[in-house]
C-alpha cells in the first residue's frame, strides 16, 4: 500500500472516531438539490486532495436514499494524471437531511454536514461536524468575490477557522 494512501486511510479513520461540536444548521428542505456536478471552489487542507486541482464532485441519487459520489481531481505537477475516488452517500436520519454519511473505504463512514445550499446561485458548503474539513462548492467553477466572501462568512459563523483556506484552480476544466 502506498504511504499516501495509507496516510489518507488513517486520517479518515481518525476523524470518523471523533465527537463533533455543534453546528449552526440552516435547514435543508430537499437534499436532492445537492445531487449533480459540483466544482470545488475552496477547501481546507486535507491529505486526500493534496496536490490536486480542477476538482469536481458528482452526486447521483440512486434508489432508497443512496447517492453515488465520484470525486475527480487533476495532479498539479502532472496534468495527465487524473485521480478519482468513488463512494456512496446517504442521509442516516430523514429528520436531519443536512447530516450526510459518506463512505469511500469500507467499513469507514465519515460524517458531514451540508451547512448551506443556495439553489438560486448554485453554491453549497459541506463541512465536517468537528470543523476541520470544509468545502465550498459551486455549480460553476467561478464564484465572484462578493459571493465568495459571503460563503466564507457563513463558514466562519459555523465555527470554521479559515486561515488556511485554499482556492481551487479550474483552468484545466
C-alpha atoms as a PDB file:
ATOM      1  CA  UNK A   1       0.000   0.000   0.000  1.00  0.00           C
ATOM      2  CA  UNK A   2       1.363   3.415  -0.891  1.00  0.00           C
ATOM      3  CA  UNK A   3       2.296   5.688   2.022  1.00  0.00           C
ATOM      4  CA  UNK A   4      -0.022   8.487   0.805  1.00  0.00           C
ATOM      5  CA  UNK A   5      -2.982   6.087   0.506  1.00  0.00           C
ATOM      6  CA  UNK A   6      -2.235   4.634   3.927  1.00  0.00           C
ATOM      7  CA  UNK A   7      -1.951   8.128   5.430  1.00  0.00           C
ATOM      8  CA  UNK A   8      -5.281   9.120   3.877  1.00  0.00           C
ATOM      9  CA  UNK A   9      -6.911   5.972   5.282  1.00  0.00           C
ATOM     10  CA  UNK A  10      -5.540   6.685   8.777  1.00  0.00           C
ATOM     11  CA  UNK A  11      -6.702  10.329   8.520  1.00  0.00           C
ATOM     12  CA  UNK A  12     -10.216   9.252   7.505  1.00  0.00           C
ATOM     13  CA  UNK A  13     -10.319   6.599  10.248  1.00  0.00           C
ATOM     14  CA  UNK A  14      -9.224   9.014  12.982  1.00  0.00           C
ATOM     15  CA  UNK A  15     -11.649  11.786  12.036  1.00  0.00           C
ATOM     16  CA  UNK A  16     -14.522   9.327  11.862  1.00  0.00           C
ATOM     17  CA  UNK A  17     -13.942   8.454  15.549  1.00  0.00           C
ATOM     18  CA  UNK A  18     -14.141  11.980  16.985  1.00  0.00           C
ATOM     19  CA  UNK A  19     -17.127  13.574  18.721  1.00  0.00           C
ATOM     20  CA  UNK A  20     -18.419  16.619  16.841  1.00  0.00           C
ATOM     21  CA  UNK A  21     -19.237  20.005  18.373  1.00  0.00           C
ATOM     22  CA  UNK A  22     -22.480  21.782  17.489  1.00  0.00           C
ATOM     23  CA  UNK A  23     -23.051  23.311  14.057  1.00  0.00           C
ATOM     24  CA  UNK A  24     -25.346  26.249  13.406  1.00  0.00           C
ATOM     25  CA  UNK A  25     -27.510  24.470  10.873  1.00  0.00           C
ATOM     26  CA  UNK A  26     -29.512  26.049   8.117  1.00  0.00           C
ATOM     27  CA  UNK A  27     -32.443  23.764   7.366  1.00  0.00           C
ATOM     28  CA  UNK A  28     -32.119  21.893   4.102  1.00  0.00           C
ATOM     29  CA  UNK A  29     -35.568  21.063   2.815  1.00  0.00           C
ATOM     30  CA  UNK A  30     -34.682  18.851  -0.136  1.00  0.00           C
ATOM     31  CA  UNK A  31     -31.317  17.099  -0.075  1.00  0.00           C
ATOM     32  CA  UNK A  32     -31.872  16.040  -3.687  1.00  0.00           C
ATOM     33  CA  UNK A  33     -30.888  19.633  -4.536  1.00  0.00           C
ATOM     34  CA  UNK A  34     -27.357  18.532  -3.720  1.00  0.00           C
ATOM     35  CA  UNK A  35     -27.187  15.931  -6.476  1.00  0.00           C
ATOM     36  CA  UNK A  36     -25.352  16.613  -9.718  1.00  0.00           C
ATOM     37  CA  UNK A  37     -21.964  18.061 -10.582  1.00  0.00           C
ATOM     38  CA  UNK A  38     -20.177  20.472  -8.239  1.00  0.00           C
ATOM     39  CA  UNK A  39     -16.897  22.317  -8.694  1.00  0.00           C
ATOM     40  CA  UNK A  40     -14.718  22.602  -5.623  1.00  0.00           C
ATOM     41  CA  UNK A  41     -14.204  26.357  -5.243  1.00  0.00           C
ATOM     42  CA  UNK A  42     -12.239  26.281  -1.994  1.00  0.00           C
ATOM     43  CA  UNK A  43     -11.360  23.876   0.794  1.00  0.00           C
ATOM     44  CA  UNK A  44      -9.476  23.491   3.996  1.00  0.00           C
ATOM     45  CA  UNK A  45      -6.305  21.423   3.500  1.00  0.00           C
ATOM     46  CA  UNK A  46      -6.687  17.663   3.668  1.00  0.00           C
ATOM     47  CA  UNK A  47      -4.287  14.861   2.717  1.00  0.00           C
ATOM     48  CA  UNK A  48      -6.633  13.209   0.221  1.00  0.00           C
ATOM     49  CA  UNK A  49      -6.690  16.250  -2.096  1.00  0.00           C
ATOM     50  CA  UNK A  50      -3.123  17.423  -1.546  1.00  0.00           C
ATOM     51  CA  UNK A  51      -1.521  18.349  -4.882  1.00  0.00           C
ATOM     52  CA  UNK A  52      -4.819  18.238  -6.797  1.00  0.00           C
ATOM     53  CA  UNK A  53      -6.540  20.955  -8.783  1.00  0.00           C
ATOM     54  CA  UNK A  54      -9.617  21.198 -11.029  1.00  0.00           C
ATOM     55  CA  UNK A  55     -11.555  19.133  -8.508  1.00  0.00           C
ATOM     56  CA  UNK A  56     -15.157  18.213  -9.214  1.00  0.00           C
ATOM     57  CA  UNK A  57     -17.652  16.063  -7.364  1.00  0.00           C
ATOM     58  CA  UNK A  58     -20.674  14.366  -8.763  1.00  0.00           C
ATOM     59  CA  UNK A  59     -23.535  13.188  -6.570  1.00  0.00           C
ATOM     60  CA  UNK A  60     -26.085  10.959  -8.269  1.00  0.00           C
ATOM     61  CA  UNK A  61     -29.261   9.883  -6.483  1.00  0.00           C
ATOM     62  CA  UNK A  62     -29.910   6.150  -6.529  1.00  0.00           C
ATOM     63  CA  UNK A  63     -32.724   4.058  -5.088  1.00  0.00           C
ATOM     64  CA  UNK A  64     -33.586   4.038  -1.389  1.00  0.00           C
ATOM     65  CA  UNK A  65     -31.844   7.280  -0.438  1.00  0.00           C
ATOM     66  CA  UNK A  66     -28.337   6.354  -1.550  1.00  0.00           C
ATOM     67  CA  UNK A  67     -26.252   8.688  -3.717  1.00  0.00           C
ATOM     68  CA  UNK A  68     -23.122   7.652  -5.553  1.00  0.00           C
ATOM     69  CA  UNK A  69     -20.247  10.081  -5.083  1.00  0.00           C
ATOM     70  CA  UNK A  70     -17.419  10.498  -7.570  1.00  0.00           C
ATOM     71  CA  UNK A  71     -14.637  12.960  -6.857  1.00  0.00           C
ATOM     72  CA  UNK A  72     -12.192  13.826  -9.644  1.00  0.00           C
ATOM     73  CA  UNK A  73      -9.025  15.906  -9.458  1.00  0.00           C
ATOM     74  CA  UNK A  74      -6.008  16.632 -11.640  1.00  0.00           C
ATOM     75  CA  UNK A  75      -2.464  16.303 -10.318  1.00  0.00           C
ATOM     76  CA  UNK A  76      -0.910  19.808 -10.368  1.00  0.00           C
ATOM     77  CA  UNK A  77       2.553  18.508 -11.245  1.00  0.00           C
ATOM     78  CA  UNK A  78       1.329  16.051 -13.914  1.00  0.00           C
ATOM     79  CA  UNK A  79      -1.894  17.231 -15.619  1.00  0.00           C
ATOM     80  CA  UNK A  80      -2.218  13.877 -17.385  1.00  0.00           C
ATOM     81  CA  UNK A  81      -2.620  12.189 -14.003  1.00  0.00           C
ATOM     82  CA  UNK A  82      -6.300  12.316 -13.059  1.00  0.00           C
ATOM     83  CA  UNK A  83      -7.307  10.940  -9.660  1.00  0.00           C
ATOM     84  CA  UNK A  84     -10.799   9.665  -8.965  1.00  0.00           C
ATOM     85  CA  UNK A  85     -12.384   8.467  -5.769  1.00  0.00           C
ATOM     86  CA  UNK A  86     -15.801   6.831  -5.712  1.00  0.00           C
ATOM     87  CA  UNK A  87     -18.101   6.034  -2.852  1.00  0.00           C
ATOM     88  CA  UNK A  88     -21.627   6.407  -1.631  1.00  0.00           C
ATOM     89  CA  UNK A  89     -23.506   8.917   0.496  1.00  0.00           C
ATOM     90  CA  UNK A  90     -26.756   8.791   2.398  1.00  0.00           C
ATOM     91  CA  UNK A  91     -28.874  10.687   4.890  1.00  0.00           C
ATOM     92  CA  UNK A  92     -28.995   8.493   8.030  1.00  0.00           C
ATOM     93  CA  UNK A  93     -31.947  10.343   9.589  1.00  0.00           C
ATOM     94  CA  UNK A  94     -34.680  11.786   7.386  1.00  0.00           C
ATOM     95  CA  UNK A  95     -35.476  14.298  10.137  1.00  0.00           C
ATOM     96  CA  UNK A  96     -31.977  15.780   9.715  1.00  0.00           C
ATOM     97  CA  UNK A  97     -31.470  15.955   5.935  1.00  0.00           C
ATOM     98  CA  UNK A  98     -28.391  18.172   6.316  1.00  0.00           C
ATOM     99  CA  UNK A  99     -26.454  15.363   8.047  1.00  0.00           C
ATOM    100  CA  UNK A 100     -24.698  13.166   5.494  1.00  0.00           C
ATOM    101  CA  UNK A 101     -22.657   9.997   5.821  1.00  0.00           C
ATOM    102  CA  UNK A 102     -20.121   9.256   3.102  1.00  0.00           C
ATOM    103  CA  UNK A 103     -18.231   6.018   2.632  1.00  0.00           C
ATOM    104  CA  UNK A 104     -15.237   5.841   0.296  1.00  0.00           C
ATOM    105  CA  UNK A 105     -13.448   2.954   2.016  1.00  0.00           C
ATOM    106  CA  UNK A 106     -15.410   0.117   3.587  1.00  0.00           C
ATOM    107  CA  UNK A 107     -16.160  -0.072   6.532  1.00  0.00           C
ATOM    108  CA  UNK A 108     -15.276   3.540   7.395  1.00  0.00           C
ATOM    109  CA  UNK A 109     -18.052   6.125   7.190  1.00  0.00           C
ATOM    110  CA  UNK A 110     -17.465   9.843   7.593  1.00  0.00           C
ATOM    111  CA  UNK A 111     -19.986  12.333   8.927  1.00  0.00           C
ATOM    112  CA  UNK A 112     -20.506  15.582   7.058  1.00  0.00           C
ATOM    113  CA  UNK A 113     -22.912  18.468   7.403  1.00  0.00           C
ATOM    114  CA  UNK A 114     -24.464  20.310   4.491  1.00  0.00           C
ATOM    115  CA  UNK A 115     -24.051  23.711   6.120  1.00  0.00           C
ATOM    116  CA  UNK A 116     -25.505  25.829   3.347  1.00  0.00           C
ATOM    117  CA  UNK A 117     -27.070  25.383  -0.049  1.00  0.00           C
ATOM    118  CA  UNK A 118     -28.186  28.185  -2.358  1.00  0.00           C
ATOM    119  CA  UNK A 119     -30.095  26.643  -5.223  1.00  0.00           C
ATOM    120  CA  UNK A 120     -30.560  30.012  -6.956  1.00  0.00           C
ATOM    121  CA  UNK A 121     -26.867  30.974  -7.087  1.00  0.00           C
ATOM    122  CA  UNK A 122     -25.676  27.373  -7.202  1.00  0.00           C
ATOM    123  CA  UNK A 123     -23.457  27.262  -4.103  1.00  0.00           C
ATOM    124  CA  UNK A 124     -23.091  24.803  -1.262  1.00  0.00           C
ATOM    125  CA  UNK A 125     -20.906  24.463   1.799  1.00  0.00           C
ATOM    126  CA  UNK A 126     -20.096  20.994   3.085  1.00  0.00           C
ATOM    127  CA  UNK A 127     -18.116  20.524   6.262  1.00  0.00           C
ATOM    128  CA  UNK A 128     -17.175  18.095   8.943  1.00  0.00           C
ATOM    129  CA  UNK A 129     -19.126  18.413  12.173  1.00  0.00           C
ATOM    130  CA  UNK A 130     -15.794  18.635  14.053  1.00  0.00           C
ATOM    131  CA  UNK A 131     -14.942  21.664  11.888  1.00  0.00           C
ATOM    132  CA  UNK A 132     -11.529  20.836  10.465  1.00  0.00           C
ATOM    133  CA  UNK A 133     -12.731  19.907   6.981  1.00  0.00           C
ATOM    134  CA  UNK A 134     -14.660  22.269   4.743  1.00  0.00           C
ATOM    135  CA  UNK A 135     -15.530  22.548   1.067  1.00  0.00           C
ATOM    136  CA  UNK A 136     -17.115  25.476  -0.735  1.00  0.00           C
ATOM    137  CA  UNK A 137     -18.762  24.168  -3.882  1.00  0.00           C
ATOM    138  CA  UNK A 138     -20.335  25.773  -6.923  1.00  0.00           C
ATOM    139  CA  UNK A 139     -22.289  24.604  -9.935  1.00  0.00           C
ATOM    140  CA  UNK A 140     -19.828  26.696 -11.947  1.00  0.00           C
ATOM    141  CA  UNK A 141     -16.040  26.786 -11.459  1.00  0.00           C
ATOM    142  CA  UNK A 142     -16.160  30.571 -10.996  1.00  0.00           C
ATOM    143  CA  UNK A 143     -17.517  32.441  -7.957  1.00  0.00           C
ATOM    144  CA  UNK A 144     -17.451  36.229  -7.805  1.00  0.00           C
ATOM    145  CA  UNK A 145     -15.612  37.813  -4.869  1.00  0.00           C
ATOM    146  CA  UNK A 146     -18.745  39.144  -3.175  1.00  0.00           C
ATOM    147  CA  UNK A 147     -20.407  35.716  -3.146  1.00  0.00           C
ATOM    148  CA  UNK A 148     -17.162  34.039  -2.062  1.00  0.00           C
ATOM    149  CA  UNK A 149     -16.838  36.425   0.892  1.00  0.00           C
ATOM    150  CA  UNK A 150     -20.460  35.737   1.873  1.00  0.00           C
ATOM    151  CA  UNK A 151     -19.806  31.973   1.770  1.00  0.00           C
ATOM    152  CA  UNK A 152     -16.705  32.403   3.939  1.00  0.00           C
ATOM    153  CA  UNK A 153     -18.779  34.346   6.480  1.00  0.00           C
ATOM    154  CA  UNK A 154     -21.301  31.501   6.666  1.00  0.00           C
ATOM    155  CA  UNK A 155     -18.469  29.036   7.310  1.00  0.00           C
ATOM    156  CA  UNK A 156     -16.939  31.295   9.970  1.00  0.00           C
ATOM    157  CA  UNK A 157     -20.344  31.734  11.638  1.00  0.00           C
ATOM    158  CA  UNK A 158     -20.394  27.955  11.989  1.00  0.00           C
ATOM    159  CA  UNK A 159     -17.020  27.919  13.745  1.00  0.00           C
ATOM    160  CA  UNK A 160     -14.666  27.003  10.897  1.00  0.00           C
ATOM    161  CA  UNK A 161     -11.158  28.505  11.045  1.00  0.00           C
ATOM    162  CA  UNK A 162     -10.327  29.687   7.522  1.00  0.00           C
ATOM    163  CA  UNK A 163      -6.732  30.934   7.806  1.00  0.00           C
ATOM    164  CA  UNK A 164      -5.563  28.069   5.557  1.00  0.00           C
ATOM    165  CA  UNK A 165      -8.420  28.080   3.047  1.00  0.00           C
ATOM    166  CA  UNK A 166      -7.260  27.001  -0.422  1.00  0.00           C
ATOM    167  CA  UNK A 167      -8.885  28.413  -3.579  1.00  0.00           C
ATOM    168  CA  UNK A 168      -9.021  25.693  -6.194  1.00  0.00           C
ATOM    169  CA  UNK A 169      -7.757  26.469  -9.688  1.00  0.00           C
ATOM    170  CA  UNK A 170     -10.063  25.330 -12.506  1.00  0.00           C
ATOM    171  CA  UNK A 171      -8.092  26.448 -15.563  1.00  0.00           C
ATOM    172  CA  UNK A 172      -7.763  22.821 -16.688  1.00  0.00           C
ATOM    173  CA  UNK A 173     -11.566  22.308 -16.946  1.00  0.00           C
END
